[in-house]
Structures are given as structure tokens and as C-alpha cells.
Amino acid sequence: MADELAHLAQADGHIAGAKERIHRQEQLIQRLVSLGRNVDDAESLLSALTGALSAFERHRLLILNRLQP
């Protein structure tokens, strides 16, 4: 069980980090839009970050399921 708790803490860290990167990327996109710049690449990266967040959240659920009695 200790391993699962450590993995859960790690997954929580990954989720928090991904949410922070997504927030920063959204801010960057807003700034680029306000400057009239092309945001295609920035939006593509945002999509990839969002996909990574989803994967981290699914992984967290798997860990939680393993912790269920």
C-alpha cells in the first residue's frame, strides 16, 4: 500500500504541474492573440498539455482503484 500512496502523491504532483502549464499556456495564447500573432502552434501545444493532463488523471484513478479494499 505504501507504494500506491507514493504513486498517488506523484500522480497528484503531475496533475498539479500539468494544470499550471496549461494555465500559463492559456495566458500566453491570450497575450499572443492581443498582439495579433498566430497562435496555431501555441494552441497545438495546449491541446497536447490537455491530453497529458487527462492521462495523468486517468492514471490517478487507476491508483485510487488499487487502494480500494
PDB file of N, CA and C in Angstrom:
ATOM      1  N   MET A   1       0.812  -1.187   0.000  1.00  0.00           N
ATOM      2  CA  MET A   1       0.000   0.000   0.000  1.00  0.00           C
ATOM      3  C   MET A   1       0.864   1.263   0.000  1.00  0.00           C
ATOM      4  N   ALA A   2       2.022   1.212   0.606  1.00  0.00           N
ATOM      5  CA  ALA A   2       2.898   2.380   0.646  1.00  0.00           C
ATOM      6  C   ALA A   2       3.315   2.799  -0.759  1.00  0.00           C
ATOM      7  N   ASP A   3       3.568   1.810  -1.609  1.00  0.00           N
ATOM      8  CA  ASP A   3       3.931   2.118  -2.992  1.00  0.00           C
ATOM      9  C   ASP A   3       2.801   2.848  -3.705  1.00  0.00           C
ATOM     10  N   GLU A   4       1.570   2.392  -3.499  1.00  0.00           N
ATOM     11  CA  GLU A   4       0.432   3.035  -4.141  1.00  0.00           C
ATOM     12  C   GLU A   4       0.251   4.466  -3.637  1.00  0.00           C
ATOM     13  N   LEU A   5       0.457   4.676  -2.338  1.00  0.00           N
ATOM     14  CA  LEU A   5       0.341   6.032  -1.790  1.00  0.00           C
ATOM     15  C   LEU A   5       1.420   6.944  -2.357  1.00  0.00           C
ATOM     16  N   ALA A   6       2.619   6.411  -2.530  1.00  0.00           N
ATOM     17  CA  ALA A   6       3.691   7.194  -3.142  1.00  0.00           C
ATOM     18  C   ALA A   6       3.348   7.512  -4.594  1.00  0.00           C
ATOM     19  N   HIS A   7       2.797   6.536  -5.300  1.00  0.00           N
ATOM     20  CA  HIS A   7       2.393   6.754  -6.692  1.00  0.00           C
ATOM     21  C   HIS A   7       1.258   7.771  -6.772  1.00  0.00           C
ATOM     22  N   LEU A   8       0.346   7.728  -5.806  1.00  0.00           N
ATOM     23  CA  LEU A   8      -0.749   8.688  -5.771  1.00  0.00           C
ATOM     24  C   LEU A   8      -0.207  10.108  -5.569  1.00  0.00           C
ATOM     25  N   ALA A   9       0.726  10.253  -4.663  1.00  0.00           N
ATOM     26  CA  ALA A   9       1.339  11.569  -4.437  1.00  0.00           C
ATOM     27  C   ALA A   9       2.051  12.055  -5.690  1.00  0.00           C
ATOM     28  N   GLN A  10       2.737  11.149  -6.365  1.00  0.00           N
ATOM     29  CA  GLN A  10       3.428  11.512  -7.601  1.00  0.00           C
ATOM     30  C   GLN A  10       2.426  11.911  -8.679  1.00  0.00           C
ATOM     31  N   ALA A  11       1.340  11.163  -8.789  1.00  0.00           N
ATOM     32  CA  ALA A  11       0.304  11.492  -9.774  1.00  0.00           C
ATOM     33  C   ALA A  11      -0.312  12.846  -9.464  1.00  0.00           C
ATOM     34  N   ASP A  12      -0.551  13.121  -8.192  1.00  0.00           N
ATOM     35  CA  ASP A  12      -1.087  14.430  -7.806  1.00  0.00           C
ATOM     36  C   ASP A  12      -0.125  15.548  -8.207  1.00  0.00           C
ATOM     37  N   GLY A  13       1.157  15.319  -8.038  1.00  0.00           N
ATOM     38  CA  GLY A  13       2.159  16.299  -8.456  1.00  0.00           C
ATOM     39  C   GLY A  13       2.149  16.517  -9.956  1.00  0.00           C
ATOM     40  N   HIS A  14       2.020  15.426 -10.708  1.00  0.00           N
ATOM     41  CA  HIS A  14       1.965  15.544 -12.165  1.00  0.00           C
ATOM     42  C   HIS A  14       0.726  16.323 -12.596  1.00  0.00           C
ATOM     43  N   ILE A  15      -0.385  16.054 -11.949  1.00  0.00           N
ATOM     44  CA  ILE A  15      -1.632  16.757 -12.281  1.00  0.00           C
ATOM     45  C   ILE A  15      -1.506  18.244 -11.975  1.00  0.00           C
ATOM     46  N   ALA A  16      -0.974  18.566 -10.814  1.00  0.00           N
ATOM     47  CA  ALA A  16      -0.800  19.975 -10.443  1.00  0.00           C
ATOM     48  C   ALA A  16       0.135  20.685 -11.425  1.00  0.00           C
ATOM     49  N   GLY A  17       1.210  20.025 -11.790  1.00  0.00           N
ATOM     50  CA  GLY A  17       2.148  20.611 -12.747  1.00  0.00           C
ATOM     51  C   GLY A  17       1.516  20.828 -14.110  1.00  0.00           C
ATOM     52  N   ALA A  18       0.749  19.851 -14.551  1.00  0.00           N
ATOM     53  CA  ALA A  18       0.093  19.971 -15.854  1.00  0.00           C
ATOM     54  C   ALA A  18      -0.924  21.111 -15.843  1.00  0.00           C
ATOM     55  N   LYS A  19      -1.674  21.235 -14.749  1.00  0.00           N
ATOM     56  CA  LYS A  19      -2.650  22.324 -14.663  1.00  0.00           C
ATOM     57  C   LYS A  19      -1.958  23.684 -14.689  1.00  0.00           C
ATOM     58  N   GLU A  20      -0.817  23.787 -14.034  1.00  0.00           N
ATOM     59  CA  GLU A  20      -0.064  25.046 -14.043  1.00  0.00           C
ATOM     60  C   GLU A  20       0.460  25.354 -15.455  1.00  0.00           C
ATOM     61  N   ARG A  21       0.988  24.340 -16.139  1.00  0.00           N
ATOM     62  CA  ARG A  21       1.489  24.561 -17.509  1.00  0.00           C
ATOM     63  C   ARG A  21       0.346  24.953 -18.440  1.00  0.00           C
ATOM     64  N   ILE A  22      -0.820  24.327 -18.256  1.00  0.00           N
ATOM     65  CA  ILE A  22      -1.983  24.673 -19.077  1.00  0.00           C
ATOM     66  C   ILE A  22      -2.388  26.120 -18.825  1.00  0.00           C
ATOM     67  N   HIS A  23      -2.407  26.521 -17.580  1.00  0.00           N
ATOM     68  CA  HIS A  23      -2.768  27.898 -17.241  1.00  0.00           C
ATOM     69  C   HIS A  23      -1.795  28.884 -17.886  1.00  0.00           C
ATOM     70  N   ARG A  24      -0.498  28.612 -17.777  1.00  0.00           N
ATOM     71  CA  ARG A  24       0.500  29.500 -18.390  1.00  0.00           C
ATOM     72  C   ARG A  24       0.352  29.542 -19.904  1.00  0.00           C
ATOM     73  N   GLN A  25       0.058  28.385 -20.501  1.00  0.00           N
ATOM     74  CA  GLN A  25      -0.100  28.343 -21.957  1.00  0.00           C
ATOM     75  C   GLN A  25      -1.332  29.133 -22.382  1.00  0.00           C
ATOM     76  N   GLU A  26      -2.410  29.038 -21.617  1.00  0.00           N
ATOM     77  CA  GLU A  26      -3.617  29.811 -21.925  1.00  0.00           C
ATOM     78  C   GLU A  26      -3.329  31.318 -21.833  1.00  0.00           C
ATOM     79  N   GLN A  27      -2.557  31.707 -20.835  1.00  0.00           N
ATOM     80  CA  GLN A  27      -2.186  33.121 -20.710  1.00  0.00           C
ATOM     81  C   GLN A  27      -1.344  33.573 -21.899  1.00  0.00           C
ATOM     82  N   LEU A  28      -0.419  32.725 -22.312  1.00  0.00           N
ATOM     83  CA  LEU A  28       0.421  33.048 -23.465  1.00  0.00           C
ATOM     84  C   LEU A  28      -0.427  33.213 -24.713  1.00  0.00           C
ATOM     85  N   ILE A  29      -1.373  32.322 -24.907  1.00  0.00           N
ATOM     86  CA  ILE A  29      -2.248  32.406 -26.079  1.00  0.00           C
ATOM     87  C   ILE A  29      -3.030  33.717 -26.052  1.00  0.00           C
ATOM     88  N   GLN A  30      -3.550  34.082 -24.902  1.00  0.00           N
ATOM     89  CA  GLN A  30      -4.282  35.350 -24.798  1.00  0.00           C
ATOM     90  C   GLN A  30      -3.383  36.535 -25.158  1.00  0.00           C
ATOM     91  N   ARG A  31      -2.152  36.489 -24.668  1.00  0.00           N
ATOM     92  CA  ARG A  31      -1.210  37.575 -24.982  1.00  0.00           C
ATOM     93  C   ARG A  31      -0.894  37.621 -26.470  1.00  0.00           C
ATOM     94  N   LEU A  32      -0.673  36.455 -27.066  1.00  0.00           N
ATOM     95  CA  LEU A  32      -0.374  36.410 -28.499  1.00  0.00           C
ATOM     96  C   LEU A  32      -1.556  36.917 -29.324  1.00  0.00           C
ATOM     97  N   VAL A  33      -2.769  36.522 -28.940  1.00  0.00           N
ATOM     98  CA  VAL A  33      -3.964  36.981 -29.642  1.00  0.00           C
ATOM     99  C   VAL A  33      -4.061  38.505 -29.549  1.00  0.00           C
ATOM    100  N   SER A  34      -3.807  39.053 -28.349  1.00  0.00           N
ATOM    101  CA  SER A  34      -3.906  40.513 -28.178  1.00  0.00           C
ATOM    102  C   SER A  34      -2.870  41.251 -29.017  1.00  0.00           C
ATOM    103  N   LEU A  35      -1.782  40.577 -29.348  1.00  0.00           N
ATOM    104  CA  LEU A  35      -0.745  41.174 -30.192  1.00  0.00           C
ATOM    105  C   LEU A  35      -0.974  40.895 -31.672  1.00  0.00           C
ATOM    106  N   GLY A  36      -2.041  40.146 -31.971  1.00  0.00           N
ATOM    107  CA  GLY A  36      -2.350  39.820 -33.352  1.00  0.00           C
ATOM    108  C   GLY A  36      -1.445  38.763 -33.949  1.00  0.00           C
ATOM    109  N   ARG A  37      -0.850  37.945 -33.116  1.00  0.00           N
ATOM    110  CA  ARG A  37       0.084  36.921 -33.578  1.00  0.00           C
ATOM    111  C   ARG A  37      -0.649  35.613 -33.869  1.00  0.00           C
ATOM    112  N   ASN A  38       0.000  34.776 -34.653  1.00  0.00           N
ATOM    113  CA  ASN A  38      -0.518  33.448 -34.971  1.00  0.00           C
ATOM    114  C   ASN A  38      -0.390  32.561 -33.728  1.00  0.00           C
ATOM    115  N   VAL A  39      -1.460  31.876 -33.380  1.00  0.00           N
ATOM    116  CA  VAL A  39      -1.456  31.044 -32.176  1.00  0.00           C
ATOM    117  C   VAL A  39      -1.608  29.557 -32.489  1.00  0.00           C
ATOM    118  N   ASP A  40      -1.463  29.186 -33.748  1.00  0.00           N
ATOM    119  CA  ASP A  40      -1.665  27.782 -34.120  1.00  0.00           C
ATOM    120  C   ASP A  40      -0.759  26.845 -33.333  1.00  0.00           C
ATOM    121  N   ASP A  41       0.525  27.144 -33.289  1.00  0.00           N
ATOM    122  CA  ASP A  41       1.459  26.276 -32.568  1.00  0.00           C
ATOM    123  C   ASP A  41       1.178  26.290 -31.070  1.00  0.00           C
ATOM    124  N   ALA A  42       0.864  27.460 -30.532  1.00  0.00           N
ATOM    125  CA  ALA A  42       0.569  27.569 -29.104  1.00  0.00           C
ATOM    126  C   ALA A  42      -0.687  26.776 -28.751  1.00  0.00           C
ATOM    127  N   GLU A  43      -1.676  26.805 -29.610  1.00  0.00           N
ATOM    128  CA  GLU A  43      -2.900  26.035 -29.365  1.00  0.00           C
ATOM    129  C   GLU A  43      -2.653  24.541 -29.509  1.00  0.00           C
ATOM    130  N   SER A  44      -1.771  24.178 -30.420  1.00  0.00           N
ATOM    131  CA  SER A  44      -1.413  22.767 -30.581  1.00  0.00           C
ATOM    132  C   SER A  44      -0.732  22.253 -29.315  1.00  0.00           C
ATOM    133  N   LEU A  45       0.165  23.054 -28.760  1.00  0.00           N
ATOM    134  CA  LEU A  45       0.819  22.666 -27.510  1.00  0.00           C
ATOM    135  C   LEU A  45      -0.195  22.586 -26.381  1.00  0.00           C
ATOM    136  N   LEU A  46      -1.121  23.521 -26.320  1.00  0.00           N
ATOM    137  CA  LEU A  46      -2.168  23.493 -25.298  1.00  0.00           C
ATOM    138  C   LEU A  46      -2.977  22.201 -25.402  1.00  0.00           C
ATOM    139  N   SER A  47      -3.285  21.785 -26.600  1.00  0.00           N
ATOM    140  CA  SER A  47      -4.020  20.541 -26.801  1.00  0.00           C
ATOM    141  C   SER A  47      -3.216  19.347 -26.286  1.00  0.00           C
ATOM    142  N   ALA A  48      -1.929  19.340 -26.551  1.00  0.00           N
ATOM    143  CA  ALA A  48      -1.077  18.249 -26.071  1.00  0.00           C
ATOM    144  C   ALA A  48      -1.011  18.254 -24.543  1.00  0.00           C
ATOM    145  N   LEU A  49      -0.909  19.433 -23.949  1.00  0.00           N
ATOM    146  CA  LEU A  49      -0.871  19.530 -22.494  1.00  0.00           C
ATOM    147  C   LEU A  49      -2.180  19.040 -21.878  1.00  0.00           C
ATOM    148  N   THR A  50      -3.278  19.377 -22.509  1.00  0.00           N
ATOM    149  CA  THR A  50      -4.586  18.935 -22.034  1.00  0.00           C
ATOM    150  C   THR A  50      -4.703  17.415 -22.126  1.00  0.00           C
ATOM    151  N   GLY A  51      -4.191  16.847 -23.201  1.00  0.00           N
ATOM    152  CA  GLY A  51      -4.180  15.391 -23.330  1.00  0.00           C
ATOM    153  C   GLY A  51      -3.332  14.728 -22.258  1.00  0.00           C
ATOM    154  N   ALA A  52      -2.186  15.331 -21.948  1.00  0.00           N
ATOM    155  CA  ALA A  52      -1.328  14.791 -20.896  1.00  0.00           C
ATOM    156  C   ALA A  52      -2.040  14.852 -19.550  1.00  0.00           C
ATOM    157  N   LEU A  53      -2.724  15.959 -19.283  1.00  0.00           N
ATOM    158  CA  LEU A  53      -3.477  16.084 -18.032  1.00  0.00           C
ATOM    159  C   LEU A  53      -4.525  14.972 -17.932  1.00  0.00           C
ATOM    160  N   SER A  54      -5.225  14.718 -19.001  1.00  0.00           N
ATOM    161  CA  SER A  54      -6.233  13.645 -18.998  1.00  0.00           C
ATOM    162  C   SER A  54      -5.598  12.295 -18.686  1.00  0.00           C
ATOM    163  N   ALA A  55      -4.441  12.050 -19.261  1.00  0.00           N
ATOM    164  CA  ALA A  55      -3.744  10.787 -18.996  1.00  0.00           C
ATOM    165  C   ALA A  55      -3.317  10.701 -17.533  1.00  0.00           C
ATOM    166  N   PHE A  56      -2.814  11.802 -16.981  1.00  0.00           N
ATOM    167  CA  PHE A  56      -2.429  11.809 -15.567  1.00  0.00           C
ATOM    168  C   PHE A  56      -3.637  11.552 -14.674  1.00  0.00           C
ATOM    169  N   GLU A  57      -4.779  12.149 -15.019  1.00  0.00           N
ATOM    170  CA  GLU A  57      -5.991  11.957 -14.218  1.00  0.00           C
ATOM    171  C   GLU A  57      -6.493  10.517 -14.301  1.00  0.00           C
ATOM    172  N   ARG A  58      -6.412   9.919 -15.483  1.00  0.00           N
ATOM    173  CA  ARG A  58      -6.809   8.504 -15.620  1.00  0.00           C
ATOM    174  C   ARG A  58      -5.880   7.614 -14.789  1.00  0.00           C
ATOM    175  N   HIS A  59      -4.599   7.920 -14.836  1.00  0.00           N
ATOM    176  CA  HIS A  59      -3.622   7.143 -14.068  1.00  0.00           C
ATOM    177  C   HIS A  59      -3.914   7.259 -12.575  1.00  0.00           C
ATOM    178  N   ARG A  60      -4.277   8.463 -12.130  1.00  0.00           N
ATOM    179  CA  ARG A  60      -4.620   8.676 -10.719  1.00  0.00           C
ATOM    180  C   ARG A  60      -5.817   7.806 -10.327  1.00  0.00           C
ATOM    181  N   LEU A  61      -6.812   7.740 -11.199  1.00  0.00           N
ATOM    182  CA  LEU A  61      -7.975   6.902 -10.910  1.00  0.00           C
ATOM    183  C   LEU A  61      -7.602   5.424 -10.786  1.00  0.00           C
ATOM    184  N   LEU A  62      -6.696   4.977 -11.634  1.00  0.00           N
ATOM    185  CA  LEU A  62      -6.235   3.587 -11.535  1.00  0.00           C
ATOM    186  C   LEU A  62      -5.581   3.325 -10.183  1.00  0.00           C
ATOM    187  N   ILE A  63      -4.776   4.281  -9.743  1.00  0.00           N
ATOM    188  CA  ILE A  63      -4.114   4.138  -8.441  1.00  0.00           C
ATOM    189  C   ILE A  63      -5.164   4.102  -7.327  1.00  0.00           C
ATOM    190  N   LEU A  64      -6.122   5.010  -7.395  1.00  0.00           N
ATOM    191  CA  LEU A  64      -7.179   5.023  -6.380  1.00  0.00           C
ATOM    192  C   LEU A  64      -7.941   3.699  -6.354  1.00  0.00           C
ATOM    193  N   ASN A  65      -8.193   3.138  -7.516  1.00  0.00           N
ATOM    194  CA  ASN A  65      -8.891   1.853  -7.577  1.00  0.00           C
ATOM    195  C   ASN A  65      -8.087   0.748  -6.900  1.00  0.00           C
ATOM    196  N   ARG A  66      -6.769   0.807  -7.033  1.00  0.00           N
ATOM    197  CA  ARG A  66      -5.915  -0.186  -6.374  1.00  0.00           C
ATOM    198  C   ARG A  66      -5.926  -0.029  -4.863  1.00  0.00           C
ATOM    199  N   LEU A  67      -6.188   1.174  -4.394  1.00  0.00           N
ATOM    200  CA  LEU A  67      -6.226   1.438  -2.960  1.00  0.00           C
ATOM    201  C   LEU A  67      -7.544   1.042  -2.312  1.00  0.00           C
ATOM    202  N   GLN A  68      -8.559   0.789  -3.141  1.00  0.00           N
ATOM    203  CA  GLN A  68      -9.872   0.383  -2.617  1.00  0.00           C
ATOM    204  C   GLN A  68      -9.757  -1.004  -2.010  1.00  0.00           C
ATOM    205  N   PRO A  69     -10.387  -1.211  -0.826  1.00  0.00           N
ATOM    206  CA  PRO A  69     -10.327  -2.551  -0.204  1.00  0.00           C
ATOM    207  C   PRO A  69     -11.164  -3.571  -0.946  1.00  0.00           C
TER     208      PRO A  69
END
